[in-house]
Amino acid sequence: MDYNNKGFWSMLDDLVSGSEIVIDRPKGSRHPKYTDMLYEVDYGYLKNTASMDGGGIDIWRGTDEKHEIDGIICIVDLLKKDSEIKILSGCTNSEKETIYKFHNKSEFMKGIFISREGS
């Protein structure tokens, strides 16, 4: 069975291409509440979308100019008692590794990376 559902990725492409990306935490900035957390890749959200935390759907935007969706990170956050996805768009392999480590360095948050087939 093919578990890498092409329809899922197509719908995610449509969602991202039909939304404005707001980068509210640019590369080099720190988390407003947890100042030890440094954003090494641009991070933001899709305007006029909804996620579990009440904000827009989160997105990491890498340096590849194509900005194709590479995959998603599914996270569990015990402090917020929630889980959600983070979209990765246009990320190099190094950026993917950095993002993965970002979501797994705390004892209270863990994530898994799901790669888009061929990314």
PDB file of N, CA and C in Angstrom:
ATOM      1  N   MET A   1       0.839  -1.182   0.000  1.00  0.00           N
ATOM      2  CA  MET A   1       0.000   0.000   0.000  1.00  0.00           C
ATOM      3  C   MET A   1       0.886   1.248   0.000  1.00  0.00           C
ATOM      4  N   ASP A   2       0.497   2.234  -0.786  1.00  0.00           N
ATOM      5  CA  ASP A   2       1.223   3.500  -0.857  1.00  0.00           C
ATOM      6  C   ASP A   2       0.685   4.442   0.212  1.00  0.00           C
ATOM      7  N   TYR A   3       1.502   4.681   1.240  1.00  0.00           N
ATOM      8  CA  TYR A   3       1.072   5.550   2.334  1.00  0.00           C
ATOM      9  C   TYR A   3       1.436   7.011   2.099  1.00  0.00           C
ATOM     10  N   ASN A   4       2.164   7.307   1.041  1.00  0.00           N
ATOM     11  CA  ASN A   4       2.535   8.685   0.734  1.00  0.00           C
ATOM     12  C   ASN A   4       1.482   9.257  -0.212  1.00  0.00           C
ATOM     13  N   ASN A   5       0.339   9.608   0.330  1.00  0.00           N
ATOM     14  CA  ASN A   5      -0.850  10.016  -0.398  1.00  0.00           C
ATOM     15  C   ASN A   5      -0.609  11.267  -1.243  1.00  0.00           C
ATOM     16  N   LYS A   6      -0.605  11.102  -2.557  1.00  0.00           N
ATOM     17  CA  LYS A   6      -0.374  12.225  -3.458  1.00  0.00           C
ATOM     18  C   LYS A   6      -1.475  13.276  -3.348  1.00  0.00           C
ATOM     19  N   GLY A   7      -2.691  12.851  -3.049  1.00  0.00           N
ATOM     20  CA  GLY A   7      -3.792  13.801  -2.870  1.00  0.00           C
ATOM     21  C   GLY A   7      -3.564  14.731  -1.691  1.00  0.00           C
ATOM     22  N   PHE A   8      -2.965  14.209  -0.620  1.00  0.00           N
ATOM     23  CA  PHE A   8      -2.637  15.035   0.547  1.00  0.00           C
ATOM     24  C   PHE A   8      -1.687  16.156   0.144  1.00  0.00           C
ATOM     25  N   TRP A   9      -0.606  15.788  -0.569  1.00  0.00           N
ATOM     26  CA  TRP A   9       0.397  16.779  -0.953  1.00  0.00           C
ATOM     27  C   TRP A   9      -0.180  17.787  -1.937  1.00  0.00           C
ATOM     28  N   SER A  10      -1.038  17.331  -2.837  1.00  0.00           N
ATOM     29  CA  SER A  10      -1.678  18.236  -3.788  1.00  0.00           C
ATOM     30  C   SER A  10      -2.566  19.255  -3.065  1.00  0.00           C
ATOM     31  N   MET A  11      -3.319  18.780  -2.078  1.00  0.00           N
ATOM     32  CA  MET A  11      -4.171  19.696  -1.310  1.00  0.00           C
ATOM     33  C   MET A  11      -3.324  20.681  -0.507  1.00  0.00           C
ATOM     34  N   LEU A  12      -2.212  20.208   0.033  1.00  0.00           N
ATOM     35  CA  LEU A  12      -1.316  21.093   0.778  1.00  0.00           C
ATOM     36  C   LEU A  12      -0.713  22.144  -0.160  1.00  0.00           C
ATOM     37  N   ASP A  13      -0.339  21.736  -1.384  1.00  0.00           N
ATOM     38  CA  ASP A  13       0.144  22.693  -2.392  1.00  0.00           C
ATOM     39  C   ASP A  13      -0.893  23.779  -2.634  1.00  0.00           C
ATOM     40  N   ASP A  14      -2.160  23.366  -2.812  1.00  0.00           N
ATOM     41  CA  ASP A  14      -3.241  24.323  -3.059  1.00  0.00           C
ATOM     42  C   ASP A  14      -3.426  25.269  -1.880  1.00  0.00           C
ATOM     43  N   LEU A  15      -3.364  24.724  -0.674  1.00  0.00           N
ATOM     44  CA  LEU A  15      -3.535  25.537   0.531  1.00  0.00           C
ATOM     45  C   LEU A  15      -2.434  26.593   0.633  1.00  0.00           C
ATOM     46  N   VAL A  16      -1.196  26.187   0.408  1.00  0.00           N
ATOM     47  CA  VAL A  16      -0.074  27.125   0.512  1.00  0.00           C
ATOM     48  C   VAL A  16      -0.108  28.144  -0.624  1.00  0.00           C
ATOM     49  N   SER A  17      -0.336  27.687  -1.854  1.00  0.00           N
ATOM     50  CA  SER A  17      -0.324  28.621  -2.989  1.00  0.00           C
ATOM     51  C   SER A  17      -1.490  29.607  -2.930  1.00  0.00           C
ATOM     52  N   GLY A  18      -2.575  29.230  -2.257  1.00  0.00           N
ATOM     53  CA  GLY A  18      -3.733  30.116  -2.135  1.00  0.00           C
ATOM     54  C   GLY A  18      -3.724  30.967  -0.882  1.00  0.00           C
ATOM     55  N   SER A  19      -2.616  30.941  -0.145  1.00  0.00           N
ATOM     56  CA  SER A  19      -2.532  31.684   1.113  1.00  0.00           C
ATOM     57  C   SER A  19      -1.345  32.635   1.104  1.00  0.00           C
ATOM     58  N   GLU A  20      -1.494  33.713   1.841  1.00  0.00           N
ATOM     59  CA  GLU A  20      -0.373  34.624   2.043  1.00  0.00           C
ATOM     60  C   GLU A  20       0.507  34.060   3.158  1.00  0.00           C
ATOM     61  N   ILE A  21       1.809  33.987   2.907  1.00  0.00           N
ATOM     62  CA  ILE A  21       2.752  33.526   3.926  1.00  0.00           C
ATOM     63  C   ILE A  21       3.252  34.742   4.701  1.00  0.00           C
ATOM     64  N   VAL A  22       3.041  34.714   6.006  1.00  0.00           N
ATOM     65  CA  VAL A  22       3.506  35.785   6.887  1.00  0.00           C
ATOM     66  C   VAL A  22       4.691  35.239   7.687  1.00  0.00           C
ATOM     67  N   ILE A  23       5.870  35.820   7.485  1.00  0.00           N
ATOM     68  CA  ILE A  23       7.060  35.414   8.247  1.00  0.00           C
ATOM     69  C   ILE A  23       7.156  36.341   9.457  1.00  0.00           C
ATOM     70  N   ASP A  24       6.715  35.835  10.607  1.00  0.00           N
ATOM     71  CA  ASP A  24       6.747  36.653  11.824  1.00  0.00           C
ATOM     72  C   ASP A  24       7.960  36.349  12.700  1.00  0.00           C
ATOM     73  N   ARG A  25       8.718  35.324  12.334  1.00  0.00           N
ATOM     74  CA  ARG A  25       9.951  34.989  13.052  1.00  0.00           C
ATOM     75  C   ARG A  25      11.043  34.720  12.013  1.00  0.00           C
ATOM     76  N   PRO A  26      11.650  35.792  11.517  1.00  0.00           N
ATOM     77  CA  PRO A  26      12.678  35.620  10.482  1.00  0.00           C
ATOM     78  C   PRO A  26      13.931  34.943  11.020  1.00  0.00           C
ATOM     79  N   LYS A  27      14.678  34.377  10.100  1.00  0.00           N
ATOM     80  CA  LYS A  27      15.948  33.728  10.441  1.00  0.00           C
ATOM     81  C   LYS A  27      16.776  34.671  11.311  1.00  0.00           C
ATOM     82  N   GLY A  28      17.304  34.132  12.412  1.00  0.00           N
ATOM     83  CA  GLY A  28      18.122  34.921  13.323  1.00  0.00           C
ATOM     84  C   GLY A  28      17.361  35.507  14.501  1.00  0.00           C
ATOM     85  N   SER A  29      16.024  35.425  14.470  1.00  0.00           N
ATOM     86  CA  SER A  29      15.231  35.959  15.588  1.00  0.00           C
ATOM     87  C   SER A  29      15.050  34.894  16.665  1.00  0.00           C
ATOM     88  N   ARG A  30      14.565  35.331  17.811  1.00  0.00           N
ATOM     89  CA  ARG A  30      14.347  34.432  18.946  1.00  0.00           C
ATOM     90  C   ARG A  30      12.862  34.338  19.256  1.00  0.00           C
ATOM     91  N   HIS A  31      12.478  33.224  19.856  1.00  0.00           N
ATOM     92  CA  HIS A  31      11.094  33.015  20.272  1.00  0.00           C
ATOM     93  C   HIS A  31      10.737  34.094  21.298  1.00  0.00           C
ATOM     94  N   PRO A  32       9.542  34.698  21.188  1.00  0.00           N
ATOM     95  CA  PRO A  32       9.188  35.779  22.112  1.00  0.00           C
ATOM     96  C   PRO A  32       9.061  35.342  23.577  1.00  0.00           C
ATOM     97  N   LYS A  33       8.691  34.105  23.812  1.00  0.00           N
ATOM     98  CA  LYS A  33       8.510  33.618  25.181  1.00  0.00           C
ATOM     99  C   LYS A  33       9.712  32.806  25.668  1.00  0.00           C
ATOM    100  N   TYR A  34      10.261  31.978  24.792  1.00  0.00           N
ATOM    101  CA  TYR A  34      11.395  31.112  25.125  1.00  0.00           C
ATOM    102  C   TYR A  34      12.628  31.644  24.400  1.00  0.00           C
ATOM    103  N   THR A  35      13.293  32.624  24.999  1.00  0.00           N
ATOM    104  CA  THR A  35      14.358  33.359  24.314  1.00  0.00           C
ATOM    105  C   THR A  35      15.602  32.529  23.998  1.00  0.00           C
ATOM    106  N   ASP A  36      15.707  31.335  24.559  1.00  0.00           N
ATOM    107  CA  ASP A  36      16.834  30.462  24.207  1.00  0.00           C
ATOM    108  C   ASP A  36      16.606  29.769  22.866  1.00  0.00           C
ATOM    109  N   MET A  37      15.394  29.884  22.317  1.00  0.00           N
ATOM    110  CA  MET A  37      15.068  29.243  21.037  1.00  0.00           C
ATOM    111  C   MET A  37      15.357  30.215  19.892  1.00  0.00           C
ATOM    112  N   LEU A  38      16.362  29.880  19.084  1.00  0.00           N
ATOM    113  CA  LEU A  38      16.781  30.698  17.954  1.00  0.00           C
ATOM    114  C   LEU A  38      16.226  30.106  16.658  1.00  0.00           C
ATOM    115  N   TYR A  39      15.623  30.948  15.840  1.00  0.00           N
ATOM    116  CA  TYR A  39      15.103  30.511  14.543  1.00  0.00           C
ATOM    117  C   TYR A  39      16.214  30.646  13.513  1.00  0.00           C
ATOM    118  N   GLU A  40      16.681  29.510  13.000  1.00  0.00           N
ATOM    119  CA  GLU A  40      17.764  29.508  12.014  1.00  0.00           C
ATOM    120  C   GLU A  40      17.234  29.421  10.584  1.00  0.00           C
ATOM    121  N   VAL A  41      15.921  29.341  10.453  1.00  0.00           N
ATOM    122  CA  VAL A  41      15.233  29.327   9.160  1.00  0.00           C
ATOM    123  C   VAL A  41      13.993  30.202   9.340  1.00  0.00           C
ATOM    124  N   ASP A  42      13.590  30.933   8.286  1.00  0.00           N
ATOM    125  CA  ASP A  42      12.379  31.760   8.365  1.00  0.00           C
ATOM    126  C   ASP A  42      11.180  30.917   8.786  1.00  0.00           C
ATOM    127  N   TYR A  43      10.380  31.463   9.709  1.00  0.00           N
ATOM    128  CA  TYR A  43       9.233  30.734  10.268  1.00  0.00           C
ATOM    129  C   TYR A  43       8.040  31.679  10.334  1.00  0.00           C
ATOM    130  N   GLY A  44       6.897  31.164   9.962  1.00  0.00           N
ATOM    131  CA  GLY A  44       5.699  31.990  10.009  1.00  0.00           C
ATOM    132  C   GLY A  44       4.447  31.155   9.923  1.00  0.00           C
ATOM    133  N   TYR A  45       3.439  31.717   9.262  1.00  0.00           N
ATOM    134  CA  TYR A  45       2.150  31.033   9.186  1.00  0.00           C
ATOM    135  C   TYR A  45       1.427  31.419   7.904  1.00  0.00           C
ATOM    136  N   LEU A  46       0.416  30.643   7.583  1.00  0.00           N
ATOM    137  CA  LEU A  46      -0.435  30.930   6.435  1.00  0.00           C
ATOM    138  C   LEU A  46      -1.600  31.782   6.918  1.00  0.00           C
ATOM    139  N   LYS A  47      -1.694  32.997   6.398  1.00  0.00           N
ATOM    140  CA  LYS A  47      -2.741  33.932   6.806  1.00  0.00           C
ATOM    141  C   LYS A  47      -4.125  33.376   6.457  1.00  0.00           C
ATOM    142  N   ASN A  48      -5.076  33.610   7.340  1.00  0.00           N
ATOM    143  CA  ASN A  48      -6.475  33.185   7.169  1.00  0.00           C
ATOM    144  C   ASN A  48      -6.638  31.667   7.112  1.00  0.00           C
ATOM    145  N   THR A  49      -5.779  30.962   7.861  1.00  0.00           N
ATOM    146  CA  THR A  49      -5.940  29.521   8.047  1.00  0.00           C
ATOM    147  C   THR A  49      -6.034  29.268   9.545  1.00  0.00           C
ATOM    148  N   ALA A  50      -6.361  28.047   9.931  1.00  0.00           N
ATOM    149  CA  ALA A  50      -6.516  27.726  11.354  1.00  0.00           C
ATOM    150  C   ALA A  50      -5.772  26.447  11.697  1.00  0.00           C
ATOM    151  N   SER A  51      -5.110  26.464  12.855  1.00  0.00           N
ATOM    152  CA  SER A  51      -4.460  25.263  13.368  1.00  0.00           C
ATOM    153  C   SER A  51      -4.892  25.043  14.808  1.00  0.00           C
ATOM    154  N   MET A  52      -4.384  23.983  15.403  1.00  0.00           N
ATOM    155  CA  MET A  52      -4.820  23.582  16.746  1.00  0.00           C
ATOM    156  C   MET A  52      -4.572  24.644  17.813  1.00  0.00           C
ATOM    157  N   ASP A  53      -3.533  25.460  17.645  1.00  0.00           N
ATOM    158  CA  ASP A  53      -3.218  26.456  18.676  1.00  0.00           C
ATOM    159  C   ASP A  53      -3.999  27.757  18.508  1.00  0.00           C
ATOM    160  N   GLY A  54      -4.918  27.785  17.543  1.00  0.00           N
ATOM    161  CA  GLY A  54      -5.744  28.969  17.335  1.00  0.00           C
ATOM    162  C   GLY A  54      -5.143  29.966  16.360  1.00  0.00           C
ATOM    163  N   GLY A  55      -3.903  29.761  15.970  1.00  0.00           N
ATOM    164  CA  GLY A  55      -3.262  30.638  14.995  1.00  0.00           C
ATOM    165  C   GLY A  55      -3.349  30.040  13.607  1.00  0.00           C
ATOM    166  N   GLY A  56      -2.629  30.639  12.679  1.00  0.00           N
ATOM    167  CA  GLY A  56      -2.585  30.104  11.329  1.00  0.00           C
ATOM    168  C   GLY A  56      -1.709  28.864  11.259  1.00  0.00           C
ATOM    169  N   ILE A  57      -1.813  28.137  10.160  1.00  0.00           N
ATOM    170  CA  ILE A  57      -0.990  26.946   9.954  1.00  0.00           C
ATOM    171  C   ILE A  57       0.466  27.382   9.820  1.00  0.00           C
ATOM    172  N   ASP A  58       1.341  26.751  10.590  1.00  0.00           N
ATOM    173  CA  ASP A  58       2.755  27.129  10.638  1.00  0.00           C
ATOM    174  C   ASP A  58       3.507  26.644   9.406  1.00  0.00           C
ATOM    175  N   ILE A  59       4.496  27.451   9.013  1.00  0.00           N
ATOM    176  CA  ILE A  59       5.313  27.098   7.854  1.00  0.00           C
ATOM    177  C   ILE A  59       6.755  27.551   8.075  1.00  0.00           C
ATOM    178  N   TRP A  60       7.677  26.678   7.716  1.00  0.00           N
ATOM    179  CA  TRP A  60       9.099  26.996   7.667  1.00  0.00           C
ATOM    180  C   TRP A  60       9.424  27.272   6.206  1.00  0.00           C
ATOM    181  N   ARG A  61      10.048  28.414   5.905  1.00  0.00           N
ATOM    182  CA  ARG A  61      10.396  28.752   4.525  1.00  0.00           C
ATOM    183  C   ARG A  61      11.911  28.774   4.376  1.00  0.00           C
ATOM    184  N   GLY A  62      12.401  27.824   3.592  1.00  0.00           N
ATOM    185  CA  GLY A  62      13.833  27.693   3.385  1.00  0.00           C
ATOM    186  C   GLY A  62      14.363  28.612   2.304  1.00  0.00           C
ATOM    187  N   THR A  63      15.616  28.381   1.926  1.00  0.00           N
ATOM    188  CA  THR A  63      16.306  29.274   0.994  1.00  0.00           C
ATOM    189  C   THR A  63      16.202  28.856  -0.472  1.00  0.00           C
ATOM    190  N   ASP A  64      15.612  27.697  -0.765  1.00  0.00           N
ATOM    191  CA  ASP A  64      15.424  27.281  -2.157  1.00  0.00           C
ATOM    192  C   ASP A  64      14.355  28.178  -2.774  1.00  0.00           C
ATOM    193  N   GLU A  65      14.704  28.851  -3.857  1.00  0.00           N
ATOM    194  CA  GLU A  65      13.797  29.828  -4.467  1.00  0.00           C
ATOM    195  C   GLU A  65      12.519  29.208  -5.027  1.00  0.00           C
ATOM    196  N   LYS A  66      12.514  27.911  -5.305  1.00  0.00           N
ATOM    197  CA  LYS A  66      11.307  27.257  -5.831  1.00  0.00           C
ATOM    198  C   LYS A  66      10.196  27.222  -4.788  1.00  0.00           C
ATOM    199  N   HIS A  67      10.557  27.134  -3.539  1.00  0.00           N
ATOM    200  CA  HIS A  67       9.608  27.073  -2.418  1.00  0.00           C
ATOM    201  C   HIS A  67       8.543  25.998  -2.609  1.00  0.00           C
ATOM    202  N   GLU A  68       8.991  24.828  -3.074  1.00  0.00           N
ATOM    203  CA  GLU A  68       8.083  23.685  -3.151  1.00  0.00           C
ATOM    204  C   GLU A  68       7.990  23.037  -1.781  1.00  0.00           C
ATOM    205  N   ILE A  69       6.858  22.435  -1.480  1.00  0.00           N
ATOM    206  CA  ILE A  69       6.679  21.787  -0.180  1.00  0.00           C
ATOM    207  C   ILE A  69       7.521  20.519  -0.143  1.00  0.00           C
ATOM    208  N   ASP A  70       8.416  20.460   0.860  1.00  0.00           N
ATOM    209  CA  ASP A  70       9.348  19.343   1.014  1.00  0.00           C
ATOM    210  C   ASP A  70       8.811  18.256   1.927  1.00  0.00           C
ATOM    211  N   GLY A  71       7.970  18.652   2.864  1.00  0.00           N
ATOM    212  CA  GLY A  71       7.483  17.722   3.866  1.00  0.00           C
ATOM    213  C   GLY A  71       6.781  18.473   4.975  1.00  0.00           C
ATOM    214  N   ILE A  72       6.477  17.738   6.020  1.00  0.00           N
ATOM    215  CA  ILE A  72       5.860  18.334   7.202  1.00  0.00           C
ATOM    216  C   ILE A  72       6.540  17.773   8.443  1.00  0.00           C
ATOM    217  N   ILE A  73       6.459  18.533   9.509  1.00  0.00           N
ATOM    218  CA  ILE A  73       6.868  18.049  10.832  1.00  0.00           C
ATOM    219  C   ILE A  73       5.589  17.961  11.648  1.00  0.00           C
ATOM    220  N   CYS A  74       5.332  16.807  12.217  1.00  0.00           N
ATOM    221  CA  CYS A  74       4.213  16.633  13.155  1.00  0.00           C
ATOM    222  C   CYS A  74       4.805  16.709  14.552  1.00  0.00           C
ATOM    223  N   ILE A  75       4.279  17.622  15.371  1.00  0.00           N
ATOM    224  CA  ILE A  75       4.852  17.798  16.701  1.00  0.00           C
ATOM    225  C   ILE A  75       3.811  17.533  17.785  1.00  0.00           C
ATOM    226  N   VAL A  76       4.336  17.149  18.940  1.00  0.00           N
ATOM    227  CA  VAL A  76       3.547  17.045  20.171  1.00  0.00           C
ATOM    228  C   VAL A  76       4.218  17.972  21.172  1.00  0.00           C
ATOM    229  N   ASP A  77       3.427  18.861  21.773  1.00  0.00           N
ATOM    230  CA  ASP A  77       3.935  19.830  22.745  1.00  0.00           C
ATOM    231  C   ASP A  77       3.221  19.591  24.071  1.00  0.00           C
ATOM    232  N   LEU A  78       3.945  19.049  25.047  1.00  0.00           N
ATOM    233  CA  LEU A  78       3.336  18.735  26.340  1.00  0.00           C
ATOM    234  C   LEU A  78       3.014  19.983  27.153  1.00  0.00           C
ATOM    235  N   LEU A  79       3.774  21.073  26.968  1.00  0.00           N
ATOM    236  CA  LEU A  79       3.479  22.303  27.703  1.00  0.00           C
ATOM    237  C   LEU A  79       2.154  22.911  27.252  1.00  0.00           C
ATOM    238  N   LYS A  80       1.928  22.924  25.940  1.00  0.00           N
ATOM    239  CA  LYS A  80       0.670  23.461  25.402  1.00  0.00           C
ATOM    240  C   LYS A  80      -0.428  22.401  25.340  1.00  0.00           C
ATOM    241  N   LYS A  81      -0.035  21.151  25.571  1.00  0.00           N
ATOM    242  CA  LYS A  81      -0.959  20.011  25.472  1.00  0.00           C
ATOM    243  C   LYS A  81      -1.666  19.996  24.112  1.00  0.00           C
ATOM    244  N   ASP A  82      -0.860  20.092  23.058  1.00  0.00           N
ATOM    245  CA  ASP A  82      -1.421  20.032  21.717  1.00  0.00           C
ATOM    246  C   ASP A  82      -0.464  19.324  20.772  1.00  0.00           C
ATOM    247  N   SER A  83      -0.939  19.118  19.577  1.00  0.00           N
ATOM    248  CA  SER A  83      -0.110  18.614  18.491  1.00  0.00           C
ATOM    249  C   SER A  83      -0.547  19.344  17.234  1.00  0.00           C
ATOM    250  N   GLU A  84       0.360  19.483  16.305  1.00  0.00           N
ATOM    251  CA  GLU A  84       0.040  20.170  15.062  1.00  0.00           C
ATOM    252  C   GLU A  84       1.093  19.849  14.017  1.00  0.00           C
ATOM    253  N   ILE A  85       0.844  20.315  12.801  1.00  0.00           N
ATOM    254  CA  ILE A  85       1.834  20.133  11.742  1.00  0.00           C
ATOM    255  C   ILE A  85       2.497  21.466  11.432  1.00  0.00           C
ATOM    256  N   LYS A  86       3.706  21.366  10.932  1.00  0.00           N
ATOM    257  CA  LYS A  86       4.473  22.510  10.447  1.00  0.00           C
ATOM    258  C   LYS A  86       4.873  22.156   9.018  1.00  0.00           C
ATOM    259  N   ILE A  87       4.559  23.016   8.078  1.00  0.00           N
ATOM    260  CA  ILE A  87       4.891  22.783   6.675  1.00  0.00           C
ATOM    261  C   ILE A  87       6.325  23.247   6.420  1.00  0.00           C
ATOM    262  N   LEU A  88       7.073  22.485   5.644  1.00  0.00           N
ATOM    263  CA  LEU A  88       8.410  22.888   5.218  1.00  0.00           C
ATOM    264  C   LEU A  88       8.360  23.190   3.730  1.00  0.00           C
ATOM    265  N   SER A  89       8.775  24.385   3.360  1.00  0.00           N
ATOM    266  CA  SER A  89       8.711  24.824   1.971  1.00  0.00           C
ATOM    267  C   SER A  89      10.078  25.327   1.519  1.00  0.00           C
ATOM    268  N   GLY A  90      10.589  24.741   0.459  1.00  0.00           N
ATOM    269  CA  GLY A  90      11.854  25.191  -0.104  1.00  0.00           C
ATOM    270  C   GLY A  90      13.042  25.033   0.812  1.00  0.00           C
ATOM    271  N   CYS A  91      13.087  23.960   1.561  1.00  0.00           N
ATOM    272  CA  CYS A  91      14.164  23.750   2.534  1.00  0.00           C
ATOM    273  C   CYS A  91      15.253  22.842   1.974  1.00  0.00           C
ATOM    274  N   THR A  92      16.495  23.229   2.195  1.00  0.00           N
ATOM    275  CA  THR A  92      17.627  22.377   1.845  1.00  0.00           C
ATOM    276  C   THR A  92      17.697  21.232   2.856  1.00  0.00           C
ATOM    277  N   ASN A  93      18.503  20.222   2.560  1.00  0.00           N
ATOM    278  CA  ASN A  93      18.664  19.117   3.515  1.00  0.00           C
ATOM    279  C   ASN A  93      19.198  19.618   4.854  1.00  0.00           C
ATOM    280  N   SER A  94      20.119  20.565   4.808  1.00  0.00           N
ATOM    281  CA  SER A  94      20.669  21.139   6.037  1.00  0.00           C
ATOM    282  C   SER A  94      19.583  21.872   6.835  1.00  0.00           C
ATOM    283  N   GLU A  95      18.733  22.615   6.142  1.00  0.00           N
ATOM    284  CA  GLU A  95      17.635  23.327   6.818  1.00  0.00           C
ATOM    285  C   GLU A  95      16.633  22.341   7.415  1.00  0.00           C
ATOM    286  N   LYS A  96      16.345  21.259   6.698  1.00  0.00           N
ATOM    287  CA  LYS A  96      15.441  20.235   7.239  1.00  0.00           C
ATOM    288  C   LYS A  96      15.999  19.656   8.533  1.00  0.00           C
ATOM    289  N   GLU A  97      17.295  19.378   8.546  1.00  0.00           N
ATOM    290  CA  GLU A  97      17.933  18.838   9.747  1.00  0.00           C
ATOM    291  C   GLU A  97      17.871  19.852  10.894  1.00  0.00           C
ATOM    292  N   THR A  98      18.121  21.118  10.593  1.00  0.00           N
ATOM    293  CA  THR A  98      18.057  22.181  11.602  1.00  0.00           C
ATOM    294  C   THR A  98      16.654  22.290  12.191  1.00  0.00           C
ATOM    295  N   ILE A  99      15.641  22.235  11.339  1.00  0.00           N
ATOM    296  CA  ILE A  99      14.246  22.332  11.786  1.00  0.00           C
ATOM    297  C   ILE A  99      13.875  21.117  12.634  1.00  0.00           C
ATOM    298  N   TYR A 100      14.301  19.944  12.195  1.00  0.00           N
ATOM    299  CA  TYR A 100      14.036  18.725  12.965  1.00  0.00           C
ATOM    300  C   TYR A 100      14.637  18.836  14.369  1.00  0.00           C
ATOM    301  N   LYS A 101      15.873  19.279  14.443  1.00  0.00           N
ATOM    302  CA  LYS A 101      16.534  19.434  15.746  1.00  0.00           C
ATOM    303  C   LYS A 101      15.828  20.487  16.599  1.00  0.00           C
ATOM    304  N   PHE A 102      15.362  21.557  15.981  1.00  0.00           N
ATOM    305  CA  PHE A 102      14.641  22.621  16.693  1.00  0.00           C
ATOM    306  C   PHE A 102      13.434  22.050  17.430  1.00  0.00           C
ATOM    307  N   HIS A 103      12.708  21.151  16.769  1.00  0.00           N
ATOM    308  CA  HIS A 103      11.486  20.588  17.353  1.00  0.00           C
ATOM    309  C   HIS A 103      11.743  19.390  18.262  1.00  0.00           C
ATOM    310  N   ASN A 104      12.990  19.017  18.443  1.00  0.00           N
ATOM    311  CA  ASN A 104      13.297  17.848  19.274  1.00  0.00           C
ATOM    312  C   ASN A 104      14.320  18.116  20.375  1.00  0.00           C
ATOM    313  N   LYS A 105      14.690  19.377  20.589  1.00  0.00           N
ATOM    314  CA  LYS A 105      15.715  19.644  21.601  1.00  0.00           C
ATOM    315  C   LYS A 105      15.142  19.805  23.001  1.00  0.00           C
ATOM    316  N   SER A 106      13.854  19.999  23.135  1.00  0.00           N
ATOM    317  CA  SER A 106      13.220  20.164  24.447  1.00  0.00           C
ATOM    318  C   SER A 106      12.648  18.835  24.924  1.00  0.00           C
ATOM    319  N   GLU A 107      12.638  18.637  26.223  1.00  0.00           N
ATOM    320  CA  GLU A 107      12.008  17.435  26.771  1.00  0.00           C
ATOM    321  C   GLU A 107      10.484  17.508  26.674  1.00  0.00           C
ATOM    322  N   PHE A 108       9.952  18.692  26.373  1.00  0.00           N
ATOM    323  CA  PHE A 108       8.500  18.888  26.336  1.00  0.00           C
ATOM    324  C   PHE A 108       7.918  18.883  24.923  1.00  0.00           C
ATOM    325  N   MET A 109       8.777  18.920  23.905  1.00  0.00           N
ATOM    326  CA  MET A 109       8.300  18.923  22.524  1.00  0.00           C
ATOM    327  C   MET A 109       9.094  17.914  21.712  1.00  0.00           C
ATOM    328  N   LYS A 110       8.388  17.109  20.935  1.00  0.00           N
ATOM    329  CA  LYS A 110       9.031  16.159  20.023  1.00  0.00           C
ATOM    330  C   LYS A 110       8.294  16.196  18.694  1.00  0.00           C
ATOM    331  N   GLY A 111       9.037  15.939  17.636  1.00  0.00           N
ATOM    332  CA  GLY A 111       8.435  15.951  16.320  1.00  0.00           C
ATOM    333  C   GLY A 111       8.987  14.852  15.432  1.00  0.00           C
ATOM    334  N   ILE A 112       8.209  14.512  14.423  1.00  0.00           N
ATOM    335  CA  ILE A 112       8.665  13.587  13.386  1.00  0.00           C
ATOM    336  C   ILE A 112       8.580  14.305  12.048  1.00  0.00           C
ATOM    337  N   PHE A 113       9.535  14.018  11.176  1.00  0.00           N
ATOM    338  CA  PHE A 113       9.555  14.611   9.843  1.00  0.00           C
ATOM    339  C   PHE A 113       8.970  13.613   8.858  1.00  0.00           C
ATOM    340  N   ILE A 114       8.024  14.068   8.067  1.00  0.00           N
ATOM    341  CA  ILE A 114       7.442  13.245   7.009  1.00  0.00           C
ATOM    342  C   ILE A 114       7.827  13.898   5.688  1.00  0.00           C
ATOM    343  N   SER A 115       8.652  13.205   4.935  1.00  0.00           N
ATOM    344  CA  SER A 115       9.166  13.748   3.688  1.00  0.00           C
ATOM    345  C   SER A 115       8.181  13.520   2.552  1.00  0.00           C
ATOM    346  N   ARG A 116       8.066  14.524   1.718  1.00  0.00           N
ATOM    347  CA  ARG A 116       7.294  14.353   0.494  1.00  0.00           C
ATOM    348  C   ARG A 116       8.106  13.439  -0.415  1.00  0.00           C
ATOM    349  N   GLU A 117       7.459  12.493  -1.029  1.00  0.00           N
ATOM    350  CA  GLU A 117       8.151  11.551  -1.904  1.00  0.00           C
ATOM    351  C   GLU A 117       8.950  12.308  -2.950  1.00  0.00           C
ATOM    352  N   GLY A 118      10.233  11.982  -3.037  1.00  0.00           N
ATOM    353  CA  GLY A 118      11.092  12.632  -4.013  1.00  0.00           C
ATOM    354  C   GLY A 118      11.767  13.884  -3.495  1.00  0.00           C
ATOM    355  N   SER A 119      11.469  14.302  -2.248  1.00  0.00           N
ATOM    356  CA  SER A 119      12.099  15.515  -1.696  1.00  0.00           C
ATOM    357  C   SER A 119      13.335  15.162  -0.903  1.00  0.00           C
TER     358      SER A 119
END
